[in-house]
Each structure stands twice: as C-alpha cells, then as structure tokens.
Amino acid sequence: MYVFPSFGCFRYTISQVSVNTEMAEVKEQRTCIKICFKLNKTAAETHRMLKEAFGQQALRHARTCESFKRFKGGYESVEDDKHSG
C-alpha cells in the first residue's frame, strides 16, 4: 500500500483517503435526499435524480428509501448513525 509523504501531522494512506471521499459523497447524497424530501418528491423520483447526478456512485434505491423513511419519522441529520461496538 502506498503511503503519502508526511506533511506535519497529516499522513493518509490511499485507503483512508478513499473511505473519507466515499463518506463525503454519501453525506452529500443524503443532503440531496433531504432536500428532495422537503420538496415533497418521492423516493423513486429522488433516486432517479441521484442516478443522473452521481452515476454509478449513486446510493442504492433501498438506501434512498431508508433515508426517506427516517426523514418522515422526524430524523433530521444527514450524518451516519454512531453504532456502538
């Protein structure tokens, strides 16, 4: 695994950068889902728009529906749940 050179306290491996980028994209898509929910779009309409905007990186339809269900239940955050382990 390639490790980027250290610059001060910043040192990331390629896999860490990939995970951080993937999480940012998921959060961005959840924000889009929340906006569509507030605009009274359906989960199906929203998923079609996500596919158009994000292509193959779009969240699965099931995850879009799950987010819709959570927003409908009053959940406001676009962050991942913190699971205890």
Protein backbone atom coordinates (compact mmCIF):
# COMPACT_ATOMS: atom_id res chain seq x y z
CA MET A 1 0.00 0.00 0.00
CA TYR A 2 1.37 3.41 -0.96
CA VAL A 3 1.64 5.94 1.86
CA PHE A 4 1.65 9.63 1.03
CA PRO A 5 4.60 11.55 2.46
CA SER A 6 4.08 13.21 5.84
CA PHE A 7 3.37 16.92 5.93
CA GLY A 8 3.33 17.98 9.55
CA CYS A 9 0.66 15.92 11.29
CA PHE A 10 -1.11 14.88 8.05
CA ARG A 11 -0.46 11.35 6.86
CA TYR A 12 -3.01 9.37 4.89
CA THR A 13 -2.93 6.07 3.11
CA ILE A 14 -4.80 5.68 -0.16
CA SER A 15 -7.42 3.53 1.57
CA GLN A 16 -8.06 6.21 4.22
CA VAL A 17 -8.48 8.85 1.52
CA SER A 18 -10.92 6.56 -0.34
CA VAL A 19 -13.02 5.99 2.79
CA ASN A 20 -13.09 9.72 3.57
CA THR A 21 -14.09 10.54 -0.01
CA GLU A 22 -16.79 7.86 -0.02
CA MET A 23 -18.24 9.12 3.27
CA ALA A 24 -18.29 12.69 1.94
CA GLU A 25 -20.19 11.53 -1.16
CA VAL A 26 -22.72 9.62 0.98
CA LYS A 27 -23.29 12.67 3.17
CA GLU A 28 -23.68 14.83 0.05
CA GLN A 29 -26.26 12.43 -1.37
CA ARG A 30 -28.14 12.29 1.94
CA THR A 31 -28.28 16.08 1.87
CA CYS A 32 -29.78 15.89 -1.63
CA ILE A 33 -32.29 13.31 -0.40
CA LYS A 34 -33.28 15.56 2.49
CA ILE A 35 -33.85 18.49 0.13
CA CYS A 36 -35.97 16.34 -2.19
CA PHE A 37 -37.94 15.05 0.80
CA LYS A 38 -38.66 18.62 1.90
CA LEU A 39 -39.76 19.43 -1.67
CA ASN A 40 -42.28 16.55 -1.50
CA LYS A 41 -40.51 14.47 -4.14
CA THR A 42 -41.00 10.71 -3.91
CA ALA A 43 -38.18 8.32 -3.07
CA ALA A 44 -38.36 6.97 -6.64
CA GLU A 45 -38.07 10.47 -8.16
CA THR A 46 -35.20 11.26 -5.83
CA HIS A 47 -33.36 8.06 -6.67
CA ARG A 48 -33.66 8.78 -10.41
CA MET A 49 -32.15 12.24 -9.81
CA LEU A 50 -29.32 10.77 -7.72
CA LYS A 51 -28.52 8.32 -10.51
CA GLU A 52 -28.48 11.17 -13.02
CA ALA A 53 -26.27 13.35 -10.83
CA PHE A 54 -23.92 10.76 -9.31
CA GLY A 55 -23.96 7.97 -11.89
CA GLN A 56 -22.60 4.65 -10.64
CA GLN A 57 -21.72 6.23 -7.28
CA ALA A 58 -25.41 6.90 -6.53
CA LEU A 59 -26.79 5.28 -3.41
CA ARG A 60 -28.87 2.17 -3.92
CA HIS A 61 -32.65 2.61 -4.16
CA ALA A 62 -33.07 0.81 -0.82
CA ARG A 63 -30.79 3.31 0.94
CA THR A 64 -32.68 6.20 -0.63
CA CYS A 65 -35.96 4.76 0.65
CA GLU A 66 -34.43 4.18 4.08
CA SER A 67 -33.39 7.83 4.27
CA PHE A 68 -36.87 8.94 3.22
CA LYS A 69 -38.40 6.79 5.95
CA ARG A 70 -36.09 8.30 8.55
CA PHE A 71 -36.84 11.87 7.48
CA LYS A 72 -40.55 11.08 7.51
CA GLY A 73 -40.12 9.86 11.09
CA GLY A 74 -38.60 13.20 12.09
CA TYR A 75 -34.90 12.34 11.84
CA GLU A 76 -33.08 15.46 10.64
CA SER A 77 -29.39 14.54 10.47
CA VAL A 78 -27.59 13.57 7.26
CA GLU A 79 -24.72 12.08 9.31
CA ASP A 80 -24.15 8.34 9.80
CA ASP A 81 -25.56 6.85 12.97
CA LYS A 82 -22.92 6.13 15.56
CA HIS A 83 -23.05 2.42 16.24
CA SER A 84 -21.63 1.16 19.48
CA GLY A 85 -19.33 -1.73 19.04
